[in-house]
Amino acid sequence: MPEEDRRPDEDAREEARLNDSVAWNAASYLISGIVGFGLLGLLLDRLLDTSFLAVVGSLGGMALSIYYVWFRYGSRN
C-alpha cells in the first residue's frame, strides 16, 4: 500500500503489532535463556555428579538473557 494512501488508524495498528512483537521476543529470550542454560547445567550436574550447576546455569542464563534483551531493545528511541 503506498505511503500516501495509508490511514492513521492503520499506522497505529502497525505500531501496536510492532510493540507486541518486541514484547513477545523479549519474553521468549528471557524464558529460553533460563531454560537452556538450566538444562545445560543439569546435564553437567549429571556428568560431573554435582548438585549446584543447574542453579548456576539457570541464574547465568537469566543474567545473560536480561543483558541480551537490554542490549537489543534497551537503546530504542
Foldseek 3Di string as FASTA:
>chain_A
DDPVPDDPVVVVVVVVVVVVVLVVVLVVLQVCLLVVQLVVQVVVCVVVVHDCSSVVRNVVSNVVSVVVSCVVPVPDD
